Amino acid sequence: MTPWTRIAAVAVAVMTAQAAWADKLPLNTISSYLNDLQTAQGTFTQINDDGSVDTGNIYIKRPGRMRFEYNPPNESLLVASANAVFIVDSKSNQAPETYPLRRTPLSLILARNVNLAQANMVVGHDFDGTATIVTAQDPEHPEYGNIQMKFTGNPVQLRQWVVNDSGGGQTTVVLGELQTGGNISNRLFDAPRRTRD
């Protein structure tokens, strides 16, 4: 390789890196997007830790509220509301499993004020050629796990997230097209009770 060829190769590599960097969304842009996202609804595909796949509908009403309605044969329900996460098994007459929302990585999306520039919150900020990937955690409690969010630009849209929970499990949620800005009833986020009597 001649010196000129080396220089040309380095120049191409630098330009390619700069192009990729230009496409990586800044953290303040992503924080603004999440803070402006008041309501959203759409479909999702969930890849569970055991490799099984579920689908359903998702509803988001920030701050603090999210609802996953699963399609058959799952028919489960997950609701984040009132600072808690409730998981209902439709095949059981038991009370819902309940967890504090703040102990789950979902709290980072649903917070009243998302600030990804907060010290030690973001532990990864990458670009894969098509999307910006941000890995975030509760800076005061990294033991709660983390959430890896994927965003595309023009306009900014949340496309996917991967929750790595405190038990070592991993759940991937791939979002369909989200309809944003509509009116979603607060009743959808009422704390669920048993699905059977």
Protein backbone atom coordinates (compact mmCIF):
# COMPACT_ATOMS: atom_id res chain seq x y z
CA MET A 1 0.00 0.00 0.00
CA THR A 2 1.49 3.32 -1.06
CA PRO A 3 1.53 6.31 1.32
CA TRP A 4 -1.15 8.00 -0.77
CA THR A 5 -3.34 4.91 -0.59
CA ARG A 6 -2.89 4.84 3.18
CA ILE A 7 -3.82 8.52 3.45
CA ALA A 8 -6.90 7.95 1.30
CA ALA A 9 -7.92 4.94 3.40
CA VAL A 10 -7.50 6.89 6.63
CA ALA A 11 -9.49 9.80 5.18
CA VAL A 12 -12.34 7.48 4.17
CA ALA A 13 -12.31 5.87 7.63
CA VAL A 14 -12.42 9.28 9.32
CA MET A 15 -15.25 10.50 7.06
CA THR A 16 -17.20 7.28 7.69
CA ALA A 17 -16.73 7.67 11.45
CA GLN A 18 -17.82 11.29 11.26
CA ALA A 19 -20.92 10.35 9.26
CA ALA A 20 -21.84 7.70 11.84
CA TRP A 21 -21.19 10.15 14.67
CA ALA A 22 -23.39 12.73 12.97
CA ASP A 23 -26.23 10.21 12.98
CA LYS A 24 -25.84 9.33 16.67
CA LEU A 25 -28.52 11.17 18.60
CA PRO A 26 -27.25 13.31 21.50
CA LEU A 27 -28.46 12.37 24.98
CA ASN A 28 -30.20 15.72 25.47
CA THR A 29 -32.19 15.14 22.26
CA ILE A 30 -33.32 11.73 23.51
CA SER A 31 -34.17 13.13 26.96
CA SER A 32 -36.29 15.85 25.31
CA TYR A 33 -38.05 13.27 23.15
CA LEU A 34 -38.96 11.13 26.17
CA ASN A 35 -40.09 14.15 28.18
CA ASP A 36 -42.30 15.29 25.30
CA LEU A 37 -43.79 11.79 24.92
CA GLN A 38 -46.95 12.19 26.98
CA THR A 39 -49.10 9.41 25.48
CA ALA A 40 -48.42 6.60 23.01
CA GLN A 41 -50.05 3.37 21.92
CA GLY A 42 -49.27 0.64 19.45
CA THR A 43 -48.30 -2.99 19.08
CA PHE A 44 -45.28 -4.81 20.44
CA THR A 45 -43.37 -8.05 20.10
CA GLN A 46 -41.69 -9.35 23.25
CA ILE A 47 -38.80 -11.80 23.24
CA ASN A 48 -38.56 -13.41 26.64
CA ASP A 49 -35.50 -14.67 28.49
CA ASP A 50 -36.34 -18.28 27.58
CA GLY A 51 -36.59 -17.45 23.86
CA SER A 52 -40.39 -17.53 23.71
CA VAL A 53 -42.18 -14.73 21.88
CA ASP A 54 -45.34 -12.82 22.86
CA THR A 55 -47.24 -10.06 21.08
CA GLY A 56 -49.83 -7.55 22.17
CA ASN A 57 -50.75 -3.90 22.57
CA ILE A 58 -48.92 -1.28 24.60
CA TYR A 59 -50.22 1.96 26.13
CA ILE A 60 -47.97 4.62 27.63
CA LYS A 61 -49.08 7.65 29.61
CA ARG A 62 -46.22 9.54 31.14
CA PRO A 63 -45.28 10.04 33.81
CA GLY A 64 -45.44 6.71 35.54
CA ARG A 65 -47.97 4.67 33.56
CA MET A 66 -47.65 1.83 31.07
CA ARG A 67 -49.88 -1.10 30.10
CA PHE A 68 -49.05 -4.31 28.21
CA GLU A 69 -52.03 -6.33 26.98
CA TYR A 70 -50.81 -9.71 25.75
CA ASN A 71 -52.45 -11.64 22.93
CA PRO A 72 -53.57 -15.28 23.28
CA PRO A 73 -52.38 -17.76 24.24
CA ASN A 74 -50.56 -15.64 26.85
CA GLU A 75 -53.45 -13.33 27.86
CA SER A 76 -51.42 -11.83 30.70
CA LEU A 77 -51.56 -8.20 31.69
CA LEU A 78 -48.79 -5.92 32.97
CA VAL A 79 -49.63 -2.48 34.33
CA ALA A 80 -47.24 0.14 35.67
CA SER A 81 -49.14 2.65 37.77
CA ALA A 82 -49.17 4.24 41.21
CA ASN A 83 -45.39 3.72 41.54
CA ALA A 84 -45.80 -0.04 41.17
CA VAL A 85 -45.74 -2.74 38.49
CA PHE A 86 -48.60 -5.26 38.54
CA ILE A 87 -48.47 -8.55 36.64
CA VAL A 88 -51.72 -10.47 36.24
CA ASP A 89 -51.89 -14.08 35.12
CA SER A 90 -55.30 -14.51 33.52
CA LYS A 91 -55.19 -18.28 34.11
CA SER A 92 -54.91 -17.82 37.87
CA ASN A 93 -57.27 -16.47 40.51
CA GLN A 94 -54.34 -15.23 42.56
CA ALA A 95 -53.71 -11.57 43.31
CA PRO A 96 -51.33 -9.84 40.88
CA GLU A 97 -47.60 -9.98 41.46
CA THR A 98 -46.51 -6.50 42.52
CA TYR A 99 -43.12 -4.80 42.38
CA PRO A 100 -42.04 -1.21 43.15
CA LEU A 101 -41.67 0.63 39.83
CA ARG A 102 -38.50 2.35 41.04
CA ARG A 103 -36.84 -1.07 41.35
CA THR A 104 -37.34 -1.78 37.63
CA PRO A 105 -35.48 -0.23 34.68
CA LEU A 106 -38.84 0.83 33.19
CA SER A 107 -38.87 3.66 35.73
CA LEU A 108 -36.19 5.38 33.64
CA ILE A 109 -38.61 5.73 30.68
CA LEU A 110 -41.59 6.65 32.84
CA ALA A 111 -39.90 9.21 35.09
CA ARG A 112 -41.51 12.65 35.28
CA ASN A 113 -38.26 14.26 34.17
CA VAL A 114 -35.90 12.12 32.12
CA ASN A 115 -32.33 13.44 32.28
CA LEU A 116 -29.94 11.04 30.61
CA ALA A 117 -27.08 13.46 31.23
CA GLN A 118 -27.32 12.74 34.98
CA ALA A 119 -24.04 11.40 36.32
CA ASN A 120 -23.62 7.62 36.05
CA MET A 121 -27.08 7.09 34.52
CA VAL A 122 -25.94 6.28 30.98
CA VAL A 123 -23.41 3.45 30.79
CA GLY A 124 -23.55 3.04 27.00
CA HIS A 125 -24.19 5.44 24.11
CA ASP A 126 -23.59 3.87 20.71
CA PHE A 127 -24.67 3.96 17.06
CA ASP A 128 -25.15 0.70 15.12
CA GLY A 129 -25.43 2.26 11.68
CA THR A 130 -29.19 2.73 11.80
CA ALA A 131 -30.09 3.54 15.39
CA THR A 132 -28.73 5.14 18.54
CA ILE A 133 -28.50 2.71 21.45
CA VAL A 134 -28.55 4.08 24.99
CA THR A 135 -27.97 1.85 28.00
CA ALA A 136 -29.20 3.47 31.22
CA GLN A 137 -29.46 2.52 34.88
CA ASP A 138 -30.54 4.05 38.15
CA PRO A 139 -27.27 5.75 39.17
CA GLU A 140 -28.07 5.25 42.85
CA HIS A 141 -29.07 1.59 42.44
CA PRO A 142 -27.27 -0.07 39.53
CA GLU A 143 -28.16 -3.40 41.14
CA TYR A 144 -31.74 -2.92 39.89
CA GLY A 145 -30.54 -3.70 36.36
CA ASN A 146 -30.51 -1.57 33.23
CA ILE A 147 -32.48 -0.77 30.11
CA GLN A 148 -30.98 -0.63 26.63
CA MET A 149 -33.10 1.64 24.41
CA LYS A 150 -32.89 1.92 20.63
CA PHE A 151 -33.87 5.17 18.89
CA THR A 152 -34.01 6.20 15.25
CA GLY A 153 -33.94 9.79 14.05
CA ASN A 154 -35.74 12.16 11.67
CA PRO A 155 -37.97 12.28 13.64
CA VAL A 156 -36.72 10.70 16.86
CA GLN A 157 -38.62 7.51 17.70
CA LEU A 158 -38.23 4.83 20.34
CA ARG A 159 -38.06 1.50 18.51
CA GLN A 160 -37.01 -1.11 21.03
CA TRP A 161 -35.74 -1.71 24.52
CA VAL A 162 -34.03 -4.55 26.33
CA VAL A 163 -34.53 -4.85 30.08
CA ASN A 164 -31.71 -6.57 31.95
CA ASP A 165 -33.24 -7.18 35.35
CA SER A 166 -31.66 -7.62 38.76
CA GLY A 167 -32.05 -11.40 38.55
CA GLY A 168 -29.98 -11.66 35.38
CA GLY A 169 -33.00 -12.07 33.08
CA GLN A 170 -33.33 -10.29 29.76
CA THR A 171 -36.54 -9.21 28.03
CA THR A 172 -36.63 -7.50 24.63
CA VAL A 173 -39.60 -5.38 23.53
CA VAL A 174 -39.77 -4.41 19.86
CA LEU A 175 -42.29 -1.66 19.20
CA GLY A 176 -44.51 -1.30 16.17
CA GLU A 177 -45.46 2.16 14.92
CA LEU A 178 -46.47 4.21 17.96
CA GLN A 179 -49.40 6.58 17.74
CA THR A 180 -48.46 9.50 19.94
CA GLY A 181 -50.36 12.45 21.37
CA GLY A 182 -53.79 10.86 21.60
CA ASN A 183 -56.10 10.66 24.59
CA ILE A 184 -55.76 7.49 26.68
CA SER A 185 -58.16 6.86 29.55
CA ASN A 186 -56.64 6.78 33.02
CA ARG A 187 -58.79 3.71 33.73
CA LEU A 188 -56.47 1.60 31.60
CA PHE A 189 -53.84 2.07 34.29
CA ASP A 190 -55.95 1.24 37.33
CA ALA A 191 -54.24 -1.26 39.58
CA PRO A 192 -55.57 -4.65 38.42
CA ARG A 193 -57.18 -7.20 40.67
CA ARG A 194 -57.74 -10.89 40.16
CA THR A 195 -59.04 -11.67 36.70
CA ARG A 196 -61.36 -14.40 38.08
CA ASP A 197 -63.59 -14.60 41.12
